[in-house]
Amino acid sequence: MNFLQLKYFKTVAELEHITNAADQLYISQPALSKSIHLLEQEVGYPLFERAGTGIQLNENGRILYNYAISILSSLENALTEISDRNNHYQQVVLSMTAATQFLPDILLNVKKKYPEISLYIKQESIQQAKHNCDLYLRSSTTPLNDVNAITLLSETCLIGISKDNPLSANQCIAPEMLRSEVFLTMQDQLPLYWITCDLCQNAGFKPNTNLQFDNRETIFDLISANMGVSIIPGKTWAPYMKHSGIVLRPLTVSYSRYIILQWLKDKYLSKSANIIIKYLQDYFLKLN
């Protein structure tokens, strides 16, 4: 058994498909199948169950997968630390699922200020993390400060309403006033959706959230067209809303959204990753 076999095994386990895994690993499907077969022979037990055109880990495979994650992560940490010791700048992989409007500015500034660092961007949830990213920039309904997390920004949530909506005449909006409104939200795995649900449920009703989108510009367009209302984060959304047909009103109850920078506790952070952490702290401090 070697590290390459474990890498192949891990990829197959995560993709649950030999052909797709072979494509991702840039090897032939027969070569990958042979590697998995030899690994199973060495372990002494089958690791996968065949399921239609795909395969899934069995109980034996799940045990090995958990250890493979730890082994491969330890190897990656060791190689990163050795590179650090020899003053070699690393690439840094940043998963950015919040505040993405700042991404072009962040990339340009990092390239100019730290040309030795290669900053790669992904969109991967830390809850589904498989050690693919060094840092995770995400939004949350609660602040988080820990050995592996920093709250970069807190922002009060407002309500965005079309000027044609009669509610726009109010200078402050109570949640119960929104009972009959359609809520335009981000997708239901994101904090903005949960803030919307919590706001309405605390007011005694279930919100109509049938209209969910993956970008704020669509939400702005639909608010302006009086197709619904939306929770609007005060610092990362409100300043970039150019529609003259939208008014922003404070809520009578306080709701906040937080921008969090997080990393896995068992992952070694390179000097380059720490430089990016400090840069992002300073960048978002200016927004505060």
C-alpha atoms as a PDB file:
ATOM      1  CA  MET A   1       0.000   0.000   0.000  1.00  0.00           C
ATOM      2  CA  ASN A   2       1.360   3.429  -0.901  1.00  0.00           C
ATOM      3  CA  PHE A   3       0.288   7.070  -0.871  1.00  0.00           C
ATOM      4  CA  LEU A   4      -0.693   6.993  -4.549  1.00  0.00           C
ATOM      5  CA  GLN A   5      -3.040   4.060  -3.970  1.00  0.00           C
ATOM      6  CA  LEU A   6      -4.635   5.898  -1.061  1.00  0.00           C
ATOM      7  CA  LYS A   7      -5.066   9.019  -3.211  1.00  0.00           C
ATOM      8  CA  TYR A   8      -6.745   6.949  -5.925  1.00  0.00           C
ATOM      9  CA  PHE A   9      -8.940   5.209  -3.357  1.00  0.00           C
ATOM     10  CA  LYS A  10      -9.965   8.528  -1.776  1.00  0.00           C
ATOM     11  CA  THR A  11     -10.941  10.011  -5.156  1.00  0.00           C
ATOM     12  CA  VAL A  12     -13.036   6.975  -6.117  1.00  0.00           C
ATOM     13  CA  ALA A  13     -14.705   7.001  -2.701  1.00  0.00           C
ATOM     14  CA  GLU A  14     -15.684  10.655  -3.049  1.00  0.00           C
ATOM     15  CA  LEU A  15     -16.851  10.546  -6.669  1.00  0.00           C
ATOM     16  CA  GLU A  16     -18.429   7.071  -6.381  1.00  0.00           C
ATOM     17  CA  HIS A  17     -17.602   6.416 -10.025  1.00  0.00           C
ATOM     18  CA  ILE A  18     -14.504   4.763 -11.496  1.00  0.00           C
ATOM     19  CA  THR A  19     -14.619   6.515 -14.881  1.00  0.00           C
ATOM     20  CA  ASN A  20     -15.172   9.977 -13.405  1.00  0.00           C
ATOM     21  CA  ALA A  21     -12.407   9.386 -10.870  1.00  0.00           C
ATOM     22  CA  ALA A  22     -10.034   8.234 -13.622  1.00  0.00           C
ATOM     23  CA  ASP A  23     -10.770  11.405 -15.598  1.00  0.00           C
ATOM     24  CA  GLN A  24     -10.065  13.582 -12.547  1.00  0.00           C
ATOM     25  CA  LEU A  25      -6.840  11.714 -11.797  1.00  0.00           C
ATOM     26  CA  TYR A  26      -5.718  11.761 -15.448  1.00  0.00           C
ATOM     27  CA  ILE A  27      -5.198   8.007 -15.603  1.00  0.00           C
ATOM     28  CA  SER A  28      -6.938   5.272 -17.579  1.00  0.00           C
ATOM     29  CA  GLN A  29     -10.011   3.554 -16.173  1.00  0.00           C
ATOM     30  CA  PRO A  30      -8.410   0.072 -16.349  1.00  0.00           C
ATOM     31  CA  ALA A  31      -5.330   1.339 -14.466  1.00  0.00           C
ATOM     32  CA  LEU A  32      -7.512   2.822 -11.726  1.00  0.00           C
ATOM     33  CA  SER A  33      -9.637  -0.327 -11.463  1.00  0.00           C
ATOM     34  CA  LYS A  34      -6.462  -2.413 -11.129  1.00  0.00           C
ATOM     35  CA  SER A  35      -5.144  -0.117  -8.376  1.00  0.00           C
ATOM     36  CA  ILE A  36      -8.396  -0.466  -6.405  1.00  0.00           C
ATOM     37  CA  HIS A  37      -8.395  -4.242  -6.930  1.00  0.00           C
ATOM     38  CA  LEU A  38      -4.801  -4.556  -5.663  1.00  0.00           C
ATOM     39  CA  LEU A  39      -5.664  -2.385  -2.655  1.00  0.00           C
ATOM     40  CA  GLU A  40      -8.609  -4.637  -1.809  1.00  0.00           C
ATOM     41  CA  GLN A  41      -6.364  -7.681  -2.132  1.00  0.00           C
ATOM     42  CA  GLU A  42      -3.839  -6.147   0.257  1.00  0.00           C
ATOM     43  CA  VAL A  43      -6.516  -5.154   2.786  1.00  0.00           C
ATOM     44  CA  GLY A  44      -8.022  -8.628   2.476  1.00  0.00           C
ATOM     45  CA  TYR A  45     -11.616  -7.473   2.156  1.00  0.00           C
ATOM     46  CA  PRO A  46     -13.754  -5.693  -0.458  1.00  0.00           C
ATOM     47  CA  LEU A  47     -13.983  -1.927   0.059  1.00  0.00           C
ATOM     48  CA  PHE A  48     -16.829  -1.025  -2.314  1.00  0.00           C
ATOM     49  CA  GLU A  49     -20.306  -2.174  -3.205  1.00  0.00           C
ATOM     50  CA  ARG A  50     -21.295  -1.865  -6.852  1.00  0.00           C
ATOM     51  CA  ALA A  51     -24.464   0.246  -7.317  1.00  0.00           C
ATOM     52  CA  GLY A  52     -25.681   0.459 -10.922  1.00  0.00           C
ATOM     53  CA  THR A  53     -23.086   2.365 -12.924  1.00  0.00           C
ATOM     54  CA  GLY A  54     -21.408   3.662  -9.745  1.00  0.00           C
ATOM     55  CA  ILE A  55     -19.792   2.253  -6.639  1.00  0.00           C
ATOM     56  CA  GLN A  56     -20.150   3.067  -2.961  1.00  0.00           C
ATOM     57  CA  LEU A  57     -17.995   2.437   0.087  1.00  0.00           C
ATOM     58  CA  ASN A  58     -19.004  -0.487   2.267  1.00  0.00           C
ATOM     59  CA  GLU A  59     -18.257  -0.575   6.003  1.00  0.00           C
ATOM     60  CA  ASN A  60     -14.677  -1.734   5.368  1.00  0.00           C
ATOM     61  CA  GLY A  61     -14.188   1.086   2.865  1.00  0.00           C
ATOM     62  CA  ARG A  62     -15.546   3.704   5.235  1.00  0.00           C
ATOM     63  CA  ILE A  63     -13.022   2.674   7.894  1.00  0.00           C
ATOM     64  CA  LEU A  64     -10.136   2.890   5.429  1.00  0.00           C
ATOM     65  CA  TYR A  65     -11.450   6.178   4.001  1.00  0.00           C
ATOM     66  CA  ASN A  66     -11.344   7.876   7.411  1.00  0.00           C
ATOM     67  CA  TYR A  67      -7.753   6.761   7.934  1.00  0.00           C
ATOM     68  CA  ALA A  68      -6.790   7.673   4.349  1.00  0.00           C
ATOM     69  CA  ILE A  69      -8.058  11.221   4.904  1.00  0.00           C
ATOM     70  CA  SER A  70      -5.904  11.510   8.022  1.00  0.00           C
ATOM     71  CA  ILE A  71      -2.826   9.950   6.388  1.00  0.00           C
ATOM     72  CA  LEU A  72      -2.971  12.065   3.225  1.00  0.00           C
ATOM     73  CA  SER A  73      -3.673  15.211   5.240  1.00  0.00           C
ATOM     74  CA  SER A  74      -0.661  14.517   7.470  1.00  0.00           C
ATOM     75  CA  LEU A  75       1.538  14.034   4.411  1.00  0.00           C
ATOM     76  CA  GLU A  76       0.295  17.287   2.885  1.00  0.00           C
ATOM     77  CA  ASN A  77       0.895  19.099   6.185  1.00  0.00           C
ATOM     78  CA  ALA A  78       4.437  17.705   6.359  1.00  0.00           C
ATOM     79  CA  LEU A  79       5.280  18.789   2.805  1.00  0.00           C
ATOM     80  CA  THR A  80       3.830  22.250   3.414  1.00  0.00           C
ATOM     81  CA  GLU A  81       5.786  22.674   6.644  1.00  0.00           C
ATOM     82  CA  ILE A  82       9.017  21.582   4.929  1.00  0.00           C
ATOM     83  CA  SER A  83       8.421  24.132   2.169  1.00  0.00           C
ATOM     84  CA  ASP A  84       7.783  26.775   4.824  1.00  0.00           C
ATOM     85  CA  ARG A  85      11.017  25.904   6.594  1.00  0.00           C
ATOM     86  CA  ASN A  86      12.872  26.490   3.332  1.00  0.00           C
ATOM     87  CA  ASN A  87      11.139  29.851   2.804  1.00  0.00           C
ATOM     88  CA  HIS A  88       9.229  28.673  -0.250  1.00  0.00           C
ATOM     89  CA  TYR A  89       5.956  30.514  -0.822  1.00  0.00           C
ATOM     90  CA  GLN A  90       2.952  28.284  -1.295  1.00  0.00           C
ATOM     91  CA  GLN A  91      -0.175  28.436  -3.335  1.00  0.00           C
ATOM     92  CA  VAL A  92      -3.201  29.224  -1.157  1.00  0.00           C
ATOM     93  CA  VAL A  93      -6.623  27.788  -1.995  1.00  0.00           C
ATOM     94  CA  LEU A  94      -9.455  30.019  -0.757  1.00  0.00           C
ATOM     95  CA  SER A  95     -13.071  28.866  -0.850  1.00  0.00           C
ATOM     96  CA  MET A  96     -15.212  31.991  -1.146  1.00  0.00           C
ATOM     97  CA  THR A  97     -18.985  31.552  -0.828  1.00  0.00           C
ATOM     98  CA  ALA A  98     -19.758  35.010   0.601  1.00  0.00           C
ATOM     99  CA  ALA A  99     -18.829  38.603  -0.247  1.00  0.00           C
ATOM    100  CA  THR A 100     -17.898  37.435  -3.748  1.00  0.00           C
ATOM    101  CA  GLN A 101     -18.363  40.958  -5.136  1.00  0.00           C
ATOM    102  CA  PHE A 102     -14.997  41.775  -3.543  1.00  0.00           C
ATOM    103  CA  LEU A 103     -13.236  38.887  -5.259  1.00  0.00           C
ATOM    104  CA  PRO A 104     -11.770  40.815  -8.246  1.00  0.00           C
ATOM    105  CA  ASP A 105     -10.386  43.480  -5.911  1.00  0.00           C
ATOM    106  CA  ILE A 106      -8.946  40.862  -3.544  1.00  0.00           C
ATOM    107  CA  LEU A 107      -7.285  38.917  -6.364  1.00  0.00           C
ATOM    108  CA  LEU A 108      -5.746  42.013  -7.935  1.00  0.00           C
ATOM    109  CA  ASN A 109      -4.447  43.343  -4.621  1.00  0.00           C
ATOM    110  CA  VAL A 110      -2.929  40.011  -3.591  1.00  0.00           C
ATOM    111  CA  LYS A 111      -1.243  39.641  -6.984  1.00  0.00           C
ATOM    112  CA  LYS A 112       0.203  43.150  -6.700  1.00  0.00           C
ATOM    113  CA  LYS A 113       1.189  43.022  -3.021  1.00  0.00           C
ATOM    114  CA  TYR A 114       2.279  39.381  -2.807  1.00  0.00           C
ATOM    115  CA  PRO A 115       3.414  38.254  -6.278  1.00  0.00           C
ATOM    116  CA  GLU A 116       5.119  35.201  -4.744  1.00  0.00           C
ATOM    117  CA  ILE A 117       1.746  33.793  -3.607  1.00  0.00           C
ATOM    118  CA  SER A 118      -0.570  31.974  -5.996  1.00  0.00           C
ATOM    119  CA  LEU A 119      -4.146  32.478  -4.767  1.00  0.00           C
ATOM    120  CA  TYR A 120      -6.652  29.960  -6.118  1.00  0.00           C
ATOM    121  CA  ILE A 121     -10.401  30.390  -5.641  1.00  0.00           C
ATOM    122  CA  LYS A 122     -12.989  27.634  -5.154  1.00  0.00           C
ATOM    123  CA  GLN A 123     -16.569  27.497  -3.927  1.00  0.00           C
ATOM    124  CA  GLU A 124     -16.680  24.614  -1.489  1.00  0.00           C
ATOM    125  CA  SER A 125     -18.599  24.460   1.769  1.00  0.00           C
ATOM    126  CA  ILE A 126     -16.497  23.824   4.870  1.00  0.00           C
ATOM    127  CA  GLN A 127     -19.204  21.408   6.016  1.00  0.00           C
ATOM    128  CA  GLN A 128     -18.398  19.283   2.953  1.00  0.00           C
ATOM    129  CA  ALA A 129     -14.664  19.964   3.142  1.00  0.00           C
ATOM    130  CA  LYS A 130     -12.330  17.206   2.029  1.00  0.00           C
ATOM    131  CA  HIS A 131      -9.090  19.061   2.755  1.00  0.00           C
ATOM    132  CA  ASN A 132      -9.212  20.654  -0.707  1.00  0.00           C
ATOM    133  CA  CYS A 133      -8.976  24.244   0.524  1.00  0.00           C
ATOM    134  CA  ASP A 134      -6.748  26.106   2.945  1.00  0.00           C
ATOM    135  CA  LEU A 135      -9.215  28.838   3.916  1.00  0.00           C
ATOM    136  CA  TYR A 136     -13.004  29.184   3.802  1.00  0.00           C
ATOM    137  CA  LEU A 137     -14.667  32.597   3.599  1.00  0.00           C
ATOM    138  CA  ARG A 138     -18.386  32.201   4.259  1.00  0.00           C
ATOM    139  CA  SER A 139     -21.409  33.907   5.785  1.00  0.00           C
ATOM    140  CA  SER A 140     -23.097  32.895   9.036  1.00  0.00           C
ATOM    141  CA  THR A 141     -26.019  33.829  11.250  1.00  0.00           C
ATOM    142  CA  THR A 142     -23.737  33.790  14.295  1.00  0.00           C
ATOM    143  CA  PRO A 143     -20.267  35.265  14.932  1.00  0.00           C
ATOM    144  CA  LEU A 144     -17.408  32.815  15.293  1.00  0.00           C
ATOM    145  CA  ASN A 145     -13.992  33.376  16.838  1.00  0.00           C
ATOM    146  CA  ASP A 146     -11.917  30.313  17.628  1.00  0.00           C
ATOM    147  CA  VAL A 147      -8.451  28.875  17.097  1.00  0.00           C
ATOM    148  CA  ASN A 148      -9.497  28.180  13.500  1.00  0.00           C
ATOM    149  CA  ALA A 149     -11.979  30.980  12.785  1.00  0.00           C
ATOM    150  CA  ILE A 150     -12.239  34.769  12.662  1.00  0.00           C
ATOM    151  CA  THR A 151     -15.303  36.972  12.287  1.00  0.00           C
ATOM    152  CA  LEU A 152     -14.229  39.457   9.632  1.00  0.00           C
ATOM    153  CA  LEU A 153     -17.408  41.519   9.391  1.00  0.00           C
ATOM    154  CA  SER A 154     -20.772  41.961  11.069  1.00  0.00           C
ATOM    155  CA  GLU A 155     -23.615  43.720   9.298  1.00  0.00           C
ATOM    156  CA  THR A 156     -27.171  44.632  10.204  1.00  0.00           C
ATOM    157  CA  CYS A 157     -29.873  43.266   7.924  1.00  0.00           C
ATOM    158  CA  LEU A 158     -32.395  45.645   6.358  1.00  0.00           C
ATOM    159  CA  ILE A 159     -35.531  44.951   4.338  1.00  0.00           C
ATOM    160  CA  GLY A 160     -35.550  45.854   0.648  1.00  0.00           C
ATOM    161  CA  ILE A 161     -38.923  46.907  -0.788  1.00  0.00           C
ATOM    162  CA  SER A 162     -40.084  48.291  -4.107  1.00  0.00           C
ATOM    163  CA  LYS A 163     -41.126  51.950  -4.100  1.00  0.00           C
ATOM    164  CA  ASP A 164     -44.423  50.726  -5.548  1.00  0.00           C
ATOM    165  CA  ASN A 165     -45.080  48.549  -2.499  1.00  0.00           C
ATOM    166  CA  PRO A 166     -47.383  50.317   0.024  1.00  0.00           C
ATOM    167  CA  LEU A 167     -45.033  49.189   2.831  1.00  0.00           C
ATOM    168  CA  SER A 168     -42.423  51.606   1.501  1.00  0.00           C
ATOM    169  CA  ALA A 169     -44.346  54.453   3.165  1.00  0.00           C
ATOM    170  CA  ASN A 170     -43.211  53.118   6.558  1.00  0.00           C
ATOM    171  CA  GLN A 171     -39.911  54.313   7.979  1.00  0.00           C
ATOM    172  CA  CYS A 172     -39.483  51.065   9.942  1.00  0.00           C
ATOM    173  CA  ILE A 173     -40.838  47.596   9.199  1.00  0.00           C
ATOM    174  CA  ALA A 174     -42.172  45.167  11.788  1.00  0.00           C
ATOM    175  CA  PRO A 175     -41.825  41.508  10.677  1.00  0.00           C
ATOM    176  CA  GLU A 176     -45.562  40.855  11.048  1.00  0.00           C
ATOM    177  CA  MET A 177     -46.194  43.504   8.368  1.00  0.00           C
ATOM    178  CA  LEU A 178     -44.520  41.160   5.855  1.00  0.00           C
ATOM    179  CA  ARG A 179     -46.908  38.253   6.363  1.00  0.00           C
ATOM    180  CA  SER A 180     -48.446  38.453   2.868  1.00  0.00           C
ATOM    181  CA  GLU A 181     -45.219  39.247   1.014  1.00  0.00           C
ATOM    182  CA  VAL A 182     -43.199  36.969  -1.264  1.00  0.00           C
ATOM    183  CA  PHE A 183     -39.610  36.724   0.005  1.00  0.00           C
ATOM    184  CA  LEU A 184     -36.814  36.717  -2.539  1.00  0.00           C
ATOM    185  CA  THR A 185     -33.958  34.773  -0.961  1.00  0.00           C
ATOM    186  CA  MET A 186     -30.706  33.028  -1.683  1.00  0.00           C
ATOM    187  CA  GLN A 187     -30.786  29.245  -1.835  1.00  0.00           C
ATOM    188  CA  ASP A 188     -31.940  27.431   1.275  1.00  0.00           C
ATOM    189  CA  GLN A 189     -28.525  26.261   2.412  1.00  0.00           C
ATOM    190  CA  LEU A 190     -27.302  29.839   2.847  1.00  0.00           C
ATOM    191  CA  PRO A 191     -27.594  32.054   5.976  1.00  0.00           C
ATOM    192  CA  LEU A 192     -29.739  34.705   4.268  1.00  0.00           C
ATOM    193  CA  TYR A 193     -32.456  32.102   3.787  1.00  0.00           C
ATOM    194  CA  TRP A 194     -32.289  31.072   7.448  1.00  0.00           C
ATOM    195  CA  ILE A 195     -32.402  34.680   8.626  1.00  0.00           C
ATOM    196  CA  THR A 196     -35.552  35.140   6.545  1.00  0.00           C
ATOM    197  CA  CYS A 197     -37.168  32.020   8.023  1.00  0.00           C
ATOM    198  CA  ASP A 198     -36.211  32.918  11.581  1.00  0.00           C
ATOM    199  CA  LEU A 199     -37.494  36.480  11.196  1.00  0.00           C
ATOM    200  CA  CYS A 200     -40.893  35.315   9.982  1.00  0.00           C
ATOM    201  CA  GLN A 201     -41.294  32.336  12.301  1.00  0.00           C
ATOM    202  CA  ASN A 202     -40.599  34.555  15.309  1.00  0.00           C
ATOM    203  CA  ALA A 203     -43.390  36.798  14.025  1.00  0.00           C
ATOM    204  CA  GLY A 204     -45.777  33.837  13.870  1.00  0.00           C
ATOM    205  CA  PHE A 205     -45.903  32.930  10.193  1.00  0.00           C
ATOM    206  CA  LYS A 206     -44.125  30.835   7.594  1.00  0.00           C
ATOM    207  CA  PRO A 207     -42.593  32.908   4.787  1.00  0.00           C
ATOM    208  CA  ASN A 208     -43.265  32.326   1.105  1.00  0.00           C
ATOM    209  CA  THR A 209     -39.731  31.529  -0.086  1.00  0.00           C
ATOM    210  CA  ASN A 210     -40.541  29.827  -3.378  1.00  0.00           C
ATOM    211  CA  LEU A 211     -38.313  32.291  -5.270  1.00  0.00           C
ATOM    212  CA  GLN A 212     -34.688  31.416  -4.496  1.00  0.00           C
ATOM    213  CA  PHE A 213     -31.669  32.618  -6.451  1.00  0.00           C
ATOM    214  CA  ASP A 214     -27.903  32.280  -6.499  1.00  0.00           C
ATOM    215  CA  ASN A 215     -27.011  35.937  -7.036  1.00  0.00           C
ATOM    216  CA  ARG A 216     -28.070  39.242  -5.517  1.00  0.00           C
ATOM    217  CA  GLU A 217     -28.486  41.113  -8.824  1.00  0.00           C
ATOM    218  CA  THR A 218     -31.494  38.969  -9.750  1.00  0.00           C
ATOM    219  CA  ILE A 219     -32.985  39.672  -6.331  1.00  0.00           C
ATOM    220  CA  PHE A 220     -32.436  43.421  -6.803  1.00  0.00           C
ATOM    221  CA  ASP A 221     -34.143  43.318 -10.217  1.00  0.00           C
ATOM    222  CA  LEU A 222     -37.193  41.497  -8.844  1.00  0.00           C
ATOM    223  CA  ILE A 223     -37.533  43.792  -5.820  1.00  0.00           C
ATOM    224  CA  SER A 224     -37.466  46.783  -8.173  1.00  0.00           C
ATOM    225  CA  ALA A 225     -40.194  45.132 -10.273  1.00  0.00           C
ATOM    226  CA  ASN A 226     -42.296  44.721  -7.085  1.00  0.00           C
ATOM    227  CA  MET A 227     -42.134  40.924  -7.329  1.00  0.00           C
ATOM    228  CA  GLY A 228     -41.226  40.503  -3.676  1.00  0.00           C
ATOM    229  CA  VAL A 229     -39.173  41.748  -0.737  1.00  0.00           C
ATOM    230  CA  SER A 230     -35.813  40.631   0.580  1.00  0.00           C
ATOM    231  CA  ILE A 231     -33.476  40.764   3.544  1.00  0.00           C
ATOM    232  CA  ILE A 232     -30.552  43.015   2.525  1.00  0.00           C
ATOM    233  CA  PRO A 233     -27.206  42.832   4.392  1.00  0.00           C
ATOM    234  CA  GLY A 234     -26.256  46.407   5.205  1.00  0.00           C
ATOM    235  CA  LYS A 235     -22.540  46.405   4.262  1.00  0.00           C
ATOM    236  CA  THR A 236     -21.984  43.782   1.580  1.00  0.00           C
ATOM    237  CA  TRP A 237     -25.250  44.281  -0.355  1.00  0.00           C
ATOM    238  CA  ALA A 238     -26.843  47.652   0.370  1.00  0.00           C
ATOM    239  CA  PRO A 239     -23.984  49.907  -0.896  1.00  0.00           C
ATOM    240  CA  TYR A 240     -23.986  48.083  -4.241  1.00  0.00           C
ATOM    241  CA  MET A 241     -27.720  48.294  -4.909  1.00  0.00           C
ATOM    242  CA  LYS A 242     -28.068  50.759  -7.802  1.00  0.00           C
ATOM    243  CA  HIS A 243     -31.803  50.408  -8.413  1.00  0.00           C
ATOM    244  CA  SER A 244     -33.685  53.666  -7.877  1.00  0.00           C
ATOM    245  CA  GLY A 245     -36.927  51.700  -7.555  1.00  0.00           C
ATOM    246  CA  ILE A 246     -35.895  50.106  -4.242  1.00  0.00           C
ATOM    247  CA  VAL A 247     -36.071  51.538  -0.737  1.00  0.00           C
ATOM    248  CA  LEU A 248     -34.311  50.105   2.290  1.00  0.00           C
ATOM    249  CA  ARG A 249     -36.000  50.123   5.662  1.00  0.00           C
ATOM    250  CA  PRO A 250     -34.707  49.033   9.088  1.00  0.00           C
ATOM    251  CA  LEU A 251     -36.527  46.262  10.898  1.00  0.00           C
ATOM    252  CA  THR A 252     -38.025  46.704  14.348  1.00  0.00           C
ATOM    253  CA  VAL A 253     -36.001  43.662  15.441  1.00  0.00           C
ATOM    254  CA  SER A 254     -32.272  43.301  15.002  1.00  0.00           C
ATOM    255  CA  TYR A 255     -30.850  40.639  12.688  1.00  0.00           C
ATOM    256  CA  SER A 256     -27.212  40.436  11.689  1.00  0.00           C
ATOM    257  CA  ARG A 257     -25.145  38.511   9.192  1.00  0.00           C
ATOM    258  CA  TYR A 258     -21.488  37.701   9.731  1.00  0.00           C
ATOM    259  CA  ILE A 259     -18.635  37.094   7.309  1.00  0.00           C
ATOM    260  CA  ILE A 260     -16.411  34.346   8.694  1.00  0.00           C
ATOM    261  CA  LEU A 261     -12.925  33.216   7.705  1.00  0.00           C
ATOM    262  CA  GLN A 262     -12.297  29.643   8.792  1.00  0.00           C
ATOM    263  CA  TRP A 263      -9.858  26.768   8.257  1.00  0.00           C
ATOM    264  CA  LEU A 264      -9.710  23.136   9.271  1.00  0.00           C
ATOM    265  CA  LYS A 265      -8.263  22.565  12.740  1.00  0.00           C
ATOM    266  CA  ASP A 266      -6.006  19.709  11.680  1.00  0.00           C
ATOM    267  CA  LYS A 267      -4.618  21.458   8.592  1.00  0.00           C
ATOM    268  CA  TYR A 268      -1.167  23.050   8.727  1.00  0.00           C
ATOM    269  CA  LEU A 269      -1.342  26.708   7.721  1.00  0.00           C
ATOM    270  CA  SER A 270       1.583  27.826   5.598  1.00  0.00           C
ATOM    271  CA  LYS A 271       3.237  31.216   5.942  1.00  0.00           C
ATOM    272  CA  SER A 272       1.465  32.191   2.738  1.00  0.00           C
ATOM    273  CA  ALA A 273      -1.924  31.189   4.168  1.00  0.00           C
ATOM    274  CA  ASN A 274      -1.237  33.285   7.270  1.00  0.00           C
ATOM    275  CA  ILE A 275      -0.323  36.236   5.047  1.00  0.00           C
ATOM    276  CA  ILE A 276      -3.685  35.886   3.258  1.00  0.00           C
ATOM    277  CA  ILE A 277      -5.512  35.668   6.610  1.00  0.00           C
ATOM    278  CA  LYS A 278      -3.904  38.931   7.742  1.00  0.00           C
ATOM    279  CA  TYR A 279      -4.658  40.559   4.387  1.00  0.00           C
ATOM    280  CA  LEU A 280      -8.350  39.571   4.560  1.00  0.00           C
ATOM    281  CA  GLN A 281      -8.609  40.814   8.148  1.00  0.00           C
ATOM    282  CA  ASP A 282      -7.275  44.214   7.087  1.00  0.00           C
ATOM    283  CA  TYR A 283      -9.452  44.276   3.955  1.00  0.00           C
ATOM    284  CA  PHE A 284     -12.702  43.682   5.807  1.00  0.00           C
ATOM    285  CA  LEU A 285     -11.712  45.949   8.687  1.00  0.00           C
ATOM    286  CA  LYS A 286     -11.982  48.848   6.230  1.00  0.00           C
ATOM    287  CA  LEU A 287     -15.582  47.837   5.461  1.00  0.00           C
ATOM    288  CA  ASN A 288     -16.421  48.009   9.171  1.00  0.00           C
END
